[in-house]
Amino acid sequence: MKTKKIIYSLGCTLLMGLTSSCVDYDALNENPNKPTSDMYDFNEASLGTTLRYGIDLNFADATGSLVGSAHLHERIKNLNIDFYSQYINPSAGWTTRNYLPNDSWNSDLWKAHFQWLSALNTIINDGDGLVMSQNNVQIARVWRVYIQSQASDFFGPMPFPLVAAENPDYIALDKQYEIFFLELDDAVKKMDANLHVIAGVNDPIYFGVLAYWQSFANSLRLRLAMKLSEVDTQTCSKEAINAINAPGGLMTSGNDARISGTSGWGNAYNYYMYQVSWGEKMSLTTSFEKILTGIGGLAYNGTATIHPEKIDPRGVKFFDPSVDGNAWKGVYPGLNAENHVNVGKNHAFMSEKYILPNEKRKVDCFLYEEVCFLLAEAYERNIISGGTALAREWYDKGVISSFGRWDESANVEAYLASTEPNSWGTSAHYDSNNGDGNSKLEKIITQKYIANYPDVSYQAWNDKRRLNLPAFDVPEYRDPAVGYVNSKDIKDSKNFISRQAFPQNEMLVNKAKYDAGVLLLGAGKADNTASNIWWDVDANYCTSNNQ
């Protein structure tokens, strides 16, 4: 036996120069053509699915069956966020709920969010350290920040597990933002154009263009940084500068984050389903009507019999005249049930010619125009040094880009030169400051608000909470049981909703963690829609005196 061992050892030594080791006989039984993790990312399809679901809000129910995006998009975005942003007033009397939580809807959003988060954590943890998966892991990290920031905009403090966890703690919002900035910074730096990246149908947003994912991540970082303008100016400034200087820079014109269109129930463009397929007219609000009326000094050129004399030309393309009366006019927000009659028929509604011509319209996630207005605000408020000249440059770029998107480029020069105000007092000309409601910040946020319509309403609601801009009509009814007062003061930010409540199931089956989460809202705050989240400090920059 000793002789055999010596011979075997010697053979191995002699073969070192040719094979570097002895033959692995077990490997002879393996299929050399079978894909392995160094040649294929097995989680790539899952990443693509999560990218789509993070925008269209699809998820699986308890049986594993997909719940079409028509459910959560309508219940959370259309009937909640769109209403809070006052972009549209949904039909069928839904908004008689006003600011009252619907626990079933909130519970489904909570469930869906943690499904998406779990899928992303699996992608990230499985692919960590694998060259083939490196870029996909970084995209998943960026998307994890995106969906968590959206959910925390809605609820406030909540769990944010970065690895699988059975029952994670709620995390304060300021701590979540620390994680957001670290994750985005590291993910962008680790993206490598020389390595494999998700592509084709598996990337419904950028179809595998890694440079676009870098600029998306940096633009998201800028968006998140600016949300801290009222609560942490130092971090706001630092992270805004870091976003600009990060590898890949910010989003440029044409690199918008938009999800490719699909067809079929639950996956078609959601507003198309509600209005064209179901016949639910989504009406213009009086707040948005006042924003669009008069600004830019351009004559109304639509088909309505009753209409403003002058209007932002995009408004004609946003909303069709009413079915009854052929009027381009809005409905007052937050009507009680007895006043919520024939809203869809008697008021202008989402355009079926320009916005809803077919079910495959793309869904906007993050537009270049928003980046322009984020930079305009940062320069104007000296969050980033550069001054008002740079602020105006980015403001003009944002307006020009938005006009181009709606085929109104021929009118943009006259629009930007006009000093005529809208019904709130805000004009389009950047250097015109005559009258109330016409500060430079009001101009910036007003144009950002218009440009993000209709899909990016989250950011309109965020600006309303952060700055109390643009000016809104105070909803007719707000439930006094959760802290709202009987006031119509448009400058009182407490007249507008602050957040949505946690699912009641958390209080029932996860009480210790839930109670700790409520405490993270702040001293004396309850789990209701009047309690501010961390970056909302009831600031008011509205100077309009119009009601």
Protein backbone atom coordinates (compact mmCIF):
# COMPACT_ATOMS: atom_id res chain seq x y z
CA MET A 1 0.00 0.00 0.00
CA LYS A 2 2.84 2.33 0.80
CA THR A 3 4.32 1.79 -2.67
CA LYS A 4 0.99 2.56 -4.36
CA LYS A 5 0.68 5.83 -2.42
CA ILE A 6 4.17 6.89 -3.47
CA ILE A 7 3.46 6.13 -7.12
CA TYR A 8 0.13 8.04 -6.99
CA SER A 9 1.82 10.99 -5.34
CA LEU A 10 4.60 11.00 -7.91
CA GLY A 11 2.09 10.84 -10.75
CA CYS A 12 0.30 13.84 -9.39
CA THR A 13 3.56 15.71 -9.11
CA LEU A 14 4.52 14.95 -12.70
CA LEU A 15 1.13 16.02 -13.99
CA MET A 16 1.22 19.37 -12.23
CA GLY A 17 2.99 20.98 -15.17
CA LEU A 18 0.25 19.89 -17.56
CA THR A 19 -2.99 20.02 -15.58
CA SER A 20 -2.05 21.76 -12.31
CA SER A 21 -3.82 18.97 -10.37
CA CYS A 22 -4.88 15.37 -10.50
CA VAL A 23 -7.88 14.34 -12.54
CA ASP A 24 -11.25 14.97 -10.84
CA TYR A 25 -13.03 11.79 -11.84
CA ASP A 26 -16.35 13.04 -10.41
CA ALA A 27 -16.30 15.89 -12.93
CA LEU A 28 -16.38 13.40 -15.78
CA ASN A 29 -20.01 12.70 -14.89
CA GLU A 30 -21.05 16.39 -15.18
CA ASN A 31 -22.69 17.86 -18.28
CA PRO A 32 -20.17 20.37 -19.73
CA ASN A 33 -23.00 22.22 -21.50
CA LYS A 34 -25.11 22.80 -18.36
CA PRO A 35 -25.27 26.54 -17.53
CA THR A 36 -23.57 27.54 -14.29
CA SER A 37 -23.58 30.74 -12.28
CA ASP A 38 -20.38 31.90 -13.94
CA MET A 39 -22.03 31.84 -17.38
CA TYR A 40 -25.68 32.65 -16.62
CA ASP A 41 -27.55 34.74 -14.04
CA PHE A 42 -30.37 32.47 -12.94
CA ASN A 43 -32.19 35.39 -11.24
CA GLU A 44 -32.28 37.60 -14.32
CA ALA A 45 -35.91 36.91 -15.18
CA SER A 46 -36.89 37.55 -11.56
CA LEU A 47 -35.12 40.91 -11.67
CA GLY A 48 -37.00 41.87 -14.83
CA THR A 49 -40.32 40.94 -13.24
CA THR A 50 -39.56 43.00 -10.14
CA LEU A 51 -38.60 46.01 -12.24
CA ARG A 52 -42.02 45.88 -13.87
CA TYR A 53 -43.99 45.18 -10.70
CA GLY A 54 -42.26 48.02 -8.87
CA ILE A 55 -43.94 50.42 -11.31
CA ASP A 56 -47.24 48.78 -12.27
CA LEU A 57 -47.83 47.43 -8.70
CA ASN A 58 -48.60 43.82 -9.59
CA PHE A 59 -48.23 41.13 -6.90
CA ALA A 60 -49.23 37.58 -5.95
CA ASP A 61 -52.12 36.78 -3.61
CA ALA A 62 -52.20 34.04 -0.98
CA THR A 63 -52.84 31.37 -3.62
CA GLY A 64 -49.87 32.49 -5.71
CA SER A 65 -52.09 33.97 -8.41
CA LEU A 66 -51.12 37.37 -9.78
CA VAL A 67 -53.36 40.25 -8.80
CA GLY A 68 -53.49 42.48 -11.87
CA SER A 69 -51.91 45.88 -11.54
CA ALA A 70 -55.36 47.38 -12.02
CA HIS A 71 -55.97 46.59 -8.34
CA LEU A 72 -53.15 48.37 -6.51
CA HIS A 73 -52.61 51.02 -9.13
CA GLU A 74 -56.23 52.08 -8.88
CA ARG A 75 -56.56 51.73 -5.10
CA ILE A 76 -53.19 53.20 -4.09
CA LYS A 77 -52.11 55.51 -6.89
CA ASN A 78 -55.32 56.63 -8.57
CA LEU A 79 -57.61 56.83 -5.51
CA ASN A 80 -54.97 57.92 -3.02
CA ILE A 81 -51.81 59.51 -4.40
CA ASP A 82 -53.38 61.12 -7.48
CA PHE A 83 -56.05 62.56 -5.21
CA TYR A 84 -53.52 63.83 -2.64
CA SER A 85 -51.54 65.45 -5.46
CA GLN A 86 -54.81 66.86 -6.85
CA TYR A 87 -53.89 65.84 -10.39
CA ILE A 88 -57.28 64.21 -10.90
CA ASN A 89 -60.51 63.59 -9.06
CA PRO A 90 -61.45 59.93 -9.58
CA SER A 91 -65.00 59.14 -10.56
CA ALA A 92 -67.69 57.01 -8.90
CA GLY A 93 -67.60 58.93 -5.63
CA TRP A 94 -64.44 57.22 -4.41
CA THR A 95 -62.96 60.40 -2.98
CA THR A 96 -65.84 60.80 -0.55
CA ARG A 97 -63.47 58.72 1.61
CA ASN A 98 -61.16 61.70 1.55
CA TYR A 99 -58.31 61.10 3.98
CA LEU A 100 -59.72 57.99 5.63
CA PRO A 101 -57.45 54.93 5.31
CA ASN A 102 -58.69 51.85 3.52
CA ASP A 103 -57.03 49.06 5.45
CA SER A 104 -57.60 46.40 2.80
CA TRP A 105 -55.79 48.48 0.19
CA ASN A 106 -52.96 49.44 2.54
CA SER A 107 -52.53 45.81 3.58
CA ASP A 108 -52.21 44.71 -0.03
CA LEU A 109 -49.60 47.39 -0.74
CA TRP A 110 -47.65 46.28 2.34
CA LYS A 111 -47.83 42.66 1.19
CA ALA A 112 -46.83 43.52 -2.38
CA HIS A 113 -43.93 45.70 -1.29
CA PHE A 114 -42.36 42.98 0.82
CA GLN A 115 -42.81 40.46 -1.98
CA TRP A 116 -40.81 42.73 -4.28
CA LEU A 117 -38.25 43.43 -1.56
CA SER A 118 -37.82 39.71 -0.84
CA ALA A 119 -37.25 38.97 -4.54
CA LEU A 120 -34.63 41.72 -4.78
CA ASN A 121 -32.85 40.51 -1.65
CA THR A 122 -32.65 37.01 -3.14
CA ILE A 123 -31.22 38.40 -6.38
CA ILE A 124 -28.66 40.49 -4.49
CA ASN A 125 -27.60 37.82 -2.00
CA ASP A 126 -27.46 34.98 -4.56
CA GLY A 127 -25.43 37.05 -6.99
CA ASP A 128 -23.04 38.63 -4.52
CA GLY A 129 -19.47 37.91 -5.60
CA LEU A 130 -20.41 36.34 -8.96
CA VAL A 131 -18.89 38.14 -11.93
CA MET A 132 -21.77 37.19 -14.22
CA SER A 133 -24.27 38.75 -11.81
CA GLN A 134 -22.33 41.82 -10.72
CA ASN A 135 -24.18 44.45 -12.76
CA ASN A 136 -27.56 42.86 -12.17
CA VAL A 137 -26.91 42.87 -8.43
CA GLN A 138 -26.15 46.59 -8.55
CA ILE A 139 -29.32 47.31 -10.56
CA ALA A 140 -31.30 45.30 -8.00
CA ARG A 141 -29.75 47.38 -5.20
CA VAL A 142 -30.76 50.59 -6.95
CA TRP A 143 -34.28 49.29 -7.51
CA ARG A 144 -34.50 48.20 -3.88
CA VAL A 145 -33.87 51.81 -2.85
CA TYR A 146 -36.44 53.04 -5.37
CA ILE A 147 -39.29 50.81 -4.17
CA GLN A 148 -38.45 51.32 -0.48
CA SER A 149 -38.38 55.11 -0.89
CA GLN A 150 -41.80 54.95 -2.57
CA ALA A 151 -43.24 52.81 0.23
CA SER A 152 -41.77 54.98 2.97
CA ASP A 153 -43.23 58.06 1.24
CA PHE A 154 -46.60 56.41 1.80
CA PHE A 155 -46.22 54.91 5.29
CA GLY A 156 -43.15 56.56 6.85
CA PRO A 157 -41.00 54.39 9.17
CA MET A 158 -41.21 50.72 8.22
CA PRO A 159 -39.03 47.61 7.98
CA PHE A 160 -36.21 47.65 5.43
CA PRO A 161 -34.43 44.28 5.63
CA LEU A 162 -31.38 43.95 3.36
CA VAL A 163 -31.24 40.19 3.96
CA ALA A 164 -33.91 37.60 4.65
CA ALA A 165 -35.48 38.26 8.03
CA GLU A 166 -38.49 36.63 9.64
CA ASN A 167 -39.84 39.70 11.43
CA PRO A 168 -37.59 42.73 10.97
CA ASP A 169 -37.80 45.88 13.06
CA TYR A 170 -39.31 49.11 11.78
CA ILE A 171 -36.56 51.58 10.86
CA ALA A 172 -36.76 55.34 11.38
CA LEU A 173 -36.95 57.28 8.14
CA ASP A 174 -33.70 59.18 8.72
CA LYS A 175 -31.88 55.86 9.15
CA GLN A 176 -33.47 54.54 5.97
CA TYR A 177 -32.13 57.55 4.08
CA GLU A 178 -28.63 56.87 5.39
CA ILE A 179 -28.94 53.38 3.87
CA PHE A 180 -30.37 54.77 0.62
CA PHE A 181 -27.41 57.05 0.01
CA LEU A 182 -24.81 54.41 0.90
CA GLU A 183 -26.48 51.81 -1.32
CA LEU A 184 -26.78 54.11 -4.33
CA ASP A 185 -23.21 55.32 -3.98
CA ASP A 186 -21.74 51.82 -3.79
CA ALA A 187 -23.98 50.31 -6.47
CA VAL A 188 -23.05 52.93 -9.06
CA LYS A 189 -19.34 52.55 -8.37
CA LYS A 190 -19.56 48.77 -8.83
CA MET A 191 -21.33 48.87 -12.18
CA ASP A 192 -18.89 47.70 -14.87
CA ALA A 193 -19.56 48.23 -18.58
CA ASN A 194 -17.22 45.34 -19.43
CA LEU A 195 -19.41 42.79 -17.69
CA HIS A 196 -22.74 41.14 -18.48
CA VAL A 197 -25.92 43.12 -17.82
CA ILE A 198 -29.63 42.33 -17.95
CA ALA A 199 -31.06 43.11 -21.38
CA GLY A 200 -33.99 42.65 -23.73
CA VAL A 201 -37.41 41.90 -22.28
CA ASN A 202 -35.83 41.27 -18.87
CA ASP A 203 -35.11 44.99 -18.62
CA PRO A 204 -38.40 46.70 -19.50
CA ILE A 205 -37.00 50.12 -18.54
CA TYR A 206 -33.55 50.55 -20.14
CA PHE A 207 -33.13 47.30 -22.12
CA GLY A 208 -29.64 46.68 -20.80
CA VAL A 209 -28.03 50.12 -21.21
CA LEU A 210 -25.90 50.16 -18.07
CA ALA A 211 -24.99 53.85 -18.41
CA TYR A 212 -28.69 54.72 -18.17
CA TRP A 213 -28.97 52.72 -14.96
CA GLN A 214 -26.06 54.69 -13.51
CA SER A 215 -27.69 58.00 -14.36
CA PHE A 216 -31.03 56.75 -13.00
CA ALA A 217 -29.38 55.83 -9.69
CA ASN A 218 -27.68 59.22 -9.45
CA SER A 219 -30.89 61.06 -10.33
CA LEU A 220 -32.73 59.05 -7.69
CA ARG A 221 -30.04 60.09 -5.24
CA LEU A 222 -30.66 63.73 -6.15
CA ARG A 223 -34.43 63.29 -5.72
CA LEU A 224 -33.94 61.76 -2.28
CA ALA A 225 -31.40 64.41 -1.28
CA MET A 226 -33.76 67.26 -2.11
CA LYS A 227 -36.50 65.72 0.02
CA LEU A 228 -34.31 66.54 3.03
CA SER A 229 -34.20 70.27 2.28
CA GLU A 230 -36.30 71.20 5.31
CA VAL A 231 -35.03 68.69 7.85
CA ASP A 232 -31.31 68.11 7.19
CA THR A 233 -29.78 70.81 5.01
CA GLN A 234 -26.23 69.51 5.43
CA THR A 235 -27.05 66.02 4.12
CA CYS A 236 -29.30 67.53 1.46
CA SER A 237 -26.44 69.59 0.08
CA LYS A 238 -23.79 66.89 0.41
CA GLU A 239 -25.82 64.18 -1.29
CA ALA A 240 -27.03 66.48 -4.06
CA ILE A 241 -23.42 67.31 -4.90
CA ASN A 242 -22.44 63.65 -4.66
CA ALA A 243 -25.26 62.72 -7.04
CA ILE A 244 -24.01 65.20 -9.64
CA ASN A 245 -20.40 64.02 -9.36
CA ALA A 246 -21.04 60.27 -9.20
CA PRO A 247 -19.86 58.03 -12.08
CA GLY A 248 -22.31 58.28 -14.96
CA GLY A 249 -23.73 61.65 -13.91
CA LEU A 250 -27.39 62.56 -13.96
CA MET A 251 -30.14 61.63 -16.39
CA THR A 252 -29.95 63.48 -19.71
CA SER A 253 -32.64 64.27 -22.25
CA GLY A 254 -34.07 61.10 -23.77
CA ASN A 255 -32.93 58.82 -20.93
CA ASP A 256 -36.24 58.87 -19.05
CA ALA A 257 -37.14 55.86 -16.94
CA ARG A 258 -40.34 54.57 -18.53
CA ILE A 259 -41.74 51.06 -18.48
CA SER A 260 -42.54 49.51 -21.83
CA GLY A 261 -46.21 49.08 -22.58
CA THR A 262 -48.07 45.78 -22.43
CA SER A 263 -51.61 44.74 -23.22
CA GLY A 264 -54.32 42.75 -21.49
CA TRP A 265 -56.37 43.20 -18.33
CA GLY A 266 -54.29 44.20 -15.35
CA ASN A 267 -51.24 44.99 -17.44
CA ALA A 268 -52.43 47.58 -19.93
CA TYR A 269 -51.83 51.25 -19.23
CA ASN A 270 -53.80 51.59 -16.04
CA TYR A 271 -55.64 54.84 -16.68
CA TYR A 272 -56.72 53.44 -20.04
CA MET A 273 -58.42 50.57 -18.20
CA TYR A 274 -60.23 52.79 -15.74
CA GLN A 275 -61.50 55.38 -18.18
CA VAL A 276 -61.71 53.83 -21.63
CA SER A 277 -62.48 50.22 -20.69
CA TRP A 278 -64.51 50.85 -17.53
CA GLY A 279 -65.94 54.28 -18.37
CA GLU A 280 -64.76 55.96 -15.16
CA LYS A 281 -64.00 59.57 -16.08
CA MET A 282 -61.03 60.99 -14.15
CA SER A 283 -61.78 64.66 -13.71
CA LEU A 284 -59.62 67.76 -13.63
CA THR A 285 -59.48 69.36 -10.17
CA THR A 286 -59.98 73.06 -9.51
CA SER A 287 -56.45 73.19 -8.09
CA PHE A 288 -54.91 71.97 -11.34
CA GLU A 289 -57.33 74.10 -13.35
CA LYS A 290 -56.02 77.20 -11.56
CA ILE A 291 -52.41 76.11 -12.12
CA LEU A 292 -52.96 75.79 -15.88
CA THR A 293 -55.23 78.79 -16.40
CA GLY A 294 -53.59 82.01 -17.64
CA ILE A 295 -49.95 81.02 -17.20
CA GLY A 296 -47.87 81.65 -20.31
CA GLY A 297 -50.35 84.07 -21.85
CA LEU A 298 -51.32 81.75 -24.72
CA ALA A 299 -54.88 81.66 -26.02
CA TYR A 300 -56.98 78.55 -25.44
CA ASN A 301 -56.94 76.48 -28.64
CA GLY A 302 -59.12 73.51 -27.78
CA THR A 303 -62.67 72.52 -28.64
CA ALA A 304 -64.52 73.40 -25.43
CA THR A 305 -67.41 75.86 -25.53
CA ILE A 306 -66.74 76.97 -21.96
CA HIS A 307 -63.06 77.50 -21.22
CA PRO A 308 -60.46 79.95 -19.84
CA GLU A 309 -59.38 82.71 -22.20
CA LYS A 310 -55.73 81.72 -21.81
CA ILE A 311 -54.20 78.43 -20.76
CA ASP A 312 -50.98 76.47 -20.63
CA PRO A 313 -51.16 74.62 -23.99
CA ARG A 314 -50.30 71.35 -22.28
CA GLY A 315 -53.56 71.61 -20.33
CA VAL A 316 -55.60 71.22 -23.51
CA LYS A 317 -53.76 67.95 -24.15
CA PHE A 318 -54.06 66.76 -20.55
CA PHE A 319 -57.84 67.10 -20.30
CA ASP A 320 -60.79 66.82 -22.71
CA PRO A 321 -63.90 69.02 -22.29
CA SER A 322 -66.75 67.66 -20.18
CA VAL A 323 -69.22 65.18 -21.69
CA ASP A 324 -72.14 67.37 -20.57
CA GLY A 325 -71.83 71.05 -21.41
CA ASN A 326 -68.55 70.79 -23.39
CA ALA A 327 -66.73 72.71 -20.64
CA TRP A 328 -63.05 72.75 -19.76
CA LYS A 329 -63.41 73.19 -16.01
CA GLY A 330 -62.41 71.38 -12.80
CA VAL A 331 -64.22 69.88 -9.83
CA TYR A 332 -63.52 71.00 -6.26
CA PRO A 333 -61.50 68.31 -4.42
CA GLY A 334 -62.77 66.23 -1.54
CA LEU A 335 -66.48 66.66 -2.08
CA ASN A 336 -68.90 64.96 0.28
CA ALA A 337 -71.12 62.23 -1.13
CA GLU A 338 -74.14 64.49 -1.57
CA ASN A 339 -72.10 66.91 -3.69
CA HIS A 340 -70.26 64.26 -5.67
CA VAL A 341 -72.87 63.94 -8.43
CA ASN A 342 -72.07 63.52 -12.14
CA VAL A 343 -68.50 64.64 -11.52
CA GLY A 344 -67.20 62.64 -14.45
CA LYS A 345 -69.78 64.03 -16.90
CA ASN A 346 -69.78 67.68 -15.87
CA HIS A 347 -66.05 68.34 -15.68
CA ALA A 348 -63.01 68.09 -17.95
CA PHE A 349 -61.45 64.63 -17.82
CA MET A 350 -58.19 62.88 -18.70
CA SER A 351 -57.63 63.21 -22.45
CA GLU A 352 -58.48 60.18 -24.53
CA LYS A 353 -56.74 61.67 -27.55
CA TYR A 354 -53.34 62.57 -26.12
CA ILE A 355 -52.95 60.48 -22.95
CA LEU A 356 -55.21 57.48 -23.53
CA PRO A 357 -55.11 56.73 -27.27
CA ASN A 358 -54.24 53.07 -26.67
CA GLU A 359 -53.64 50.56 -23.91
CA LYS A 360 -49.89 50.29 -24.54
CA ARG A 361 -48.92 53.80 -23.48
CA LYS A 362 -45.69 53.71 -21.49
CA VAL A 363 -45.74 54.45 -17.77
CA ASP A 364 -43.42 57.23 -16.64
CA CYS A 365 -41.23 56.44 -13.66
CA PHE A 366 -38.63 59.24 -13.64
CA LEU A 367 -38.43 61.97 -16.27
CA TYR A 368 -35.53 64.16 -17.35
CA GLU A 369 -37.70 67.22 -16.66
CA GLU A 370 -37.79 66.34 -12.96
CA VAL A 371 -33.99 66.29 -12.87
CA CYS A 372 -33.98 69.77 -14.42
CA PHE A 373 -36.34 71.15 -11.79
CA LEU A 374 -34.50 69.42 -8.94
CA LEU A 375 -31.32 71.16 -10.10
CA ALA A 376 -33.15 74.47 -10.54
CA GLU A 377 -34.36 74.31 -6.94
CA ALA A 378 -30.96 73.27 -5.63
CA TYR A 379 -29.20 76.19 -7.36
CA GLU A 380 -31.90 78.74 -6.55
CA ARG A 381 -31.86 77.89 -2.84
CA ASN A 382 -28.04 77.66 -2.73
CA ILE A 383 -28.20 73.99 -1.76
CA ILE A 384 -25.63 73.68 -4.53
CA SER A 385 -23.48 76.72 -5.20
CA GLY A 386 -23.97 78.31 -8.60
CA GLY A 387 -26.66 80.91 -8.12
CA THR A 388 -29.84 81.99 -9.80
CA ALA A 389 -28.36 82.08 -13.31
CA LEU A 390 -27.85 78.30 -13.25
CA ALA A 391 -31.25 77.89 -11.61
CA ARG A 392 -32.91 79.71 -14.49
CA GLU A 393 -30.93 77.68 -17.04
CA TRP A 394 -32.20 74.39 -15.58
CA TYR A 395 -35.71 75.77 -15.14
CA ASP A 396 -35.84 76.73 -18.81
CA LYS A 397 -34.44 73.35 -19.84
CA GLY A 398 -37.18 71.58 -17.87
CA VAL A 399 -39.97 73.64 -19.42
CA ILE A 400 -38.52 73.28 -22.92
CA SER A 401 -38.23 69.51 -22.51
CA SER A 402 -41.80 69.20 -21.23
CA PHE A 403 -43.17 71.29 -24.12
CA GLY A 404 -41.26 69.05 -26.52
CA ARG A 405 -42.76 65.96 -24.94
CA TRP A 406 -46.26 67.29 -25.63
CA ASP A 407 -45.47 68.59 -29.15
CA GLU A 408 -45.72 72.22 -28.09
CA SER A 409 -42.15 73.35 -28.83
CA ALA A 410 -43.40 76.08 -31.16
CA ASN A 411 -45.02 77.82 -28.19
CA VAL A 412 -42.32 77.48 -25.56
CA GLU A 413 -40.40 80.68 -26.30
CA ALA A 414 -43.49 82.87 -25.97
CA TYR A 415 -44.56 80.92 -22.89
CA LEU A 416 -41.25 81.43 -21.06
CA ALA A 417 -41.24 85.13 -21.95
CA SER A 418 -44.74 85.71 -20.59
CA THR A 419 -45.29 87.48 -17.26
CA GLU A 420 -49.02 86.68 -17.18
CA PRO A 421 -49.87 84.71 -14.03
CA ASN A 422 -52.05 81.69 -13.46
CA SER A 423 -54.99 81.82 -11.08
CA TRP A 424 -52.65 81.36 -8.11
CA GLY A 425 -50.45 84.29 -9.22
CA THR A 426 -47.55 82.28 -10.68
CA SER A 427 -46.06 83.26 -14.05
CA ALA A 428 -43.81 81.30 -16.38
CA HIS A 429 -41.12 83.98 -16.84
CA TYR A 430 -38.40 83.10 -14.36
CA ASP A 431 -37.33 86.66 -13.48
CA SER A 432 -40.85 88.07 -13.13
CA ASN A 433 -41.70 88.42 -9.44
CA ASN A 434 -44.71 90.72 -9.49
CA GLY A 435 -47.55 89.79 -7.16
CA ASP A 436 -48.25 87.12 -4.57
CA GLY A 437 -47.67 83.50 -5.48
CA ASN A 438 -44.87 84.35 -7.88
CA SER A 439 -41.62 83.47 -6.13
CA LYS A 440 -38.94 81.60 -8.04
CA LEU A 441 -39.50 78.51 -5.93
CA GLU A 442 -43.21 78.63 -6.72
CA LYS A 443 -42.37 78.80 -10.43
CA ILE A 444 -40.00 75.82 -10.22
CA ILE A 445 -42.38 73.57 -8.30
CA THR A 446 -45.34 74.61 -10.46
CA GLN A 447 -43.50 73.59 -13.63
CA LYS A 448 -42.27 70.38 -12.02
CA TYR A 449 -45.86 69.61 -11.03
CA ILE A 450 -47.14 70.14 -14.58
CA ALA A 451 -44.28 68.17 -16.18
CA ASN A 452 -44.76 65.08 -13.99
CA TYR A 453 -48.45 64.65 -14.84
CA PRO A 454 -49.95 62.05 -14.74
CA ASP A 455 -47.71 59.14 -13.75
CA VAL A 456 -45.24 60.72 -11.32
CA SER A 457 -47.83 62.00 -8.87
CA TYR A 458 -45.84 60.66 -5.89
CA GLN A 459 -43.42 63.55 -6.37
CA ALA A 460 -46.24 66.09 -6.59
CA TRP A 461 -47.55 64.84 -3.24
CA ASN A 462 -44.01 64.88 -1.81
CA ASP A 463 -43.48 68.52 -2.81
CA LYS A 464 -46.86 69.45 -1.33
CA ARG A 465 -45.86 67.93 2.01
CA ARG A 466 -42.29 69.22 1.91
CA LEU A 467 -42.94 72.80 0.72
CA ASN A 468 -46.74 73.26 0.59
CA LEU A 469 -46.30 73.90 -3.14
CA PRO A 470 -47.88 74.38 -5.56
CA ALA A 471 -50.98 76.11 -4.15
CA PHE A 472 -54.01 73.82 -3.80
CA ASP A 473 -57.62 74.24 -2.86
CA VAL A 474 -58.17 72.76 0.58
CA PRO A 475 -60.34 69.63 0.22
CA GLU A 476 -63.93 70.22 1.23
CA TYR A 477 -63.92 67.54 3.90
CA ARG A 478 -61.12 66.23 6.09
CA ASP A 479 -61.91 63.87 8.95
CA PRO A 480 -61.63 65.85 12.23
CA ALA A 481 -61.22 62.60 14.16
CA VAL A 482 -57.59 62.35 13.07
CA GLY A 483 -56.60 65.97 13.66
CA TYR A 484 -57.83 68.04 10.74
CA VAL A 485 -59.42 71.41 11.49
CA ASN A 486 -62.23 73.26 9.79
CA SER A 487 -60.05 75.70 7.86
CA LYS A 488 -59.70 76.66 4.21
CA ASP A 489 -56.32 78.36 4.62
CA ILE A 490 -54.20 77.24 1.66
CA LYS A 491 -51.03 78.31 3.50
CA ASP A 492 -51.66 75.91 6.38
CA SER A 493 -49.92 72.71 5.35
CA LYS A 494 -51.83 70.79 8.03
CA ASN A 495 -54.90 71.07 5.81
CA PHE A 496 -53.35 68.48 3.49
CA ILE A 497 -52.73 64.79 4.08
CA SER A 498 -49.37 63.76 5.55
CA ARG A 499 -49.21 59.94 5.18
CA GLN A 500 -51.23 56.73 5.19
CA ALA A 501 -51.77 54.41 8.15
CA PHE A 502 -49.98 51.11 8.71
CA PRO A 503 -52.04 47.96 8.01
CA GLN A 504 -54.20 47.08 11.01
CA ASN A 505 -52.90 43.52 10.88
CA GLU A 506 -49.53 44.85 12.03
CA MET A 507 -51.19 46.16 15.20
CA LEU A 508 -53.01 42.87 15.75
CA VAL A 509 -50.31 40.25 15.12
CA ASN A 510 -47.07 42.23 15.32
CA LYS A 511 -47.94 44.63 18.12
CA ALA A 512 -44.52 45.11 19.72
CA LYS A 513 -42.87 45.94 16.40
CA TYR A 514 -45.87 48.01 15.33
CA ASP A 515 -45.84 50.05 18.56
CA ALA A 516 -42.13 50.72 18.10
CA GLY A 517 -42.84 51.85 14.53
CA VAL A 518 -45.52 54.30 15.65
CA LEU A 519 -43.07 55.80 18.16
CA LEU A 520 -40.68 56.42 15.26
CA LEU A 521 -43.24 58.85 13.81
CA GLY A 522 -42.34 61.19 16.66
CA ALA A 523 -43.45 62.13 20.13
CA GLY A 524 -47.19 62.44 20.52
CA LYS A 525 -47.97 61.29 16.97
CA ALA A 526 -50.57 58.64 16.25
CA ASP A 527 -50.84 56.19 13.38
CA ASN A 528 -53.13 58.36 11.27
CA THR A 529 -53.10 60.46 8.12
CA ALA A 530 -52.41 63.75 9.94
CA SER A 531 -49.06 62.63 11.43
CA ASN A 532 -46.07 63.97 9.53
CA ILE A 533 -43.25 61.76 8.34
CA TRP A 534 -39.66 62.76 9.14
CA TRP A 535 -38.82 65.04 6.23
CA ASP A 536 -42.19 66.84 6.38
CA VAL A 537 -41.97 69.63 8.99
CA ASP A 538 -45.04 71.64 7.92
CA ALA A 539 -42.98 74.17 5.98
CA ASN A 540 -44.92 76.69 3.91
CA TYR A 541 -43.51 78.46 0.84
CA CYS A 542 -46.91 79.34 -0.63
CA THR A 543 -47.29 83.10 -0.99
CA SER A 544 -50.52 83.11 -3.00
CA ASN A 545 -53.44 85.02 -1.53
CA ASN A 546 -55.99 83.57 -3.94
CA GLN A 547 -58.62 81.13 -2.68
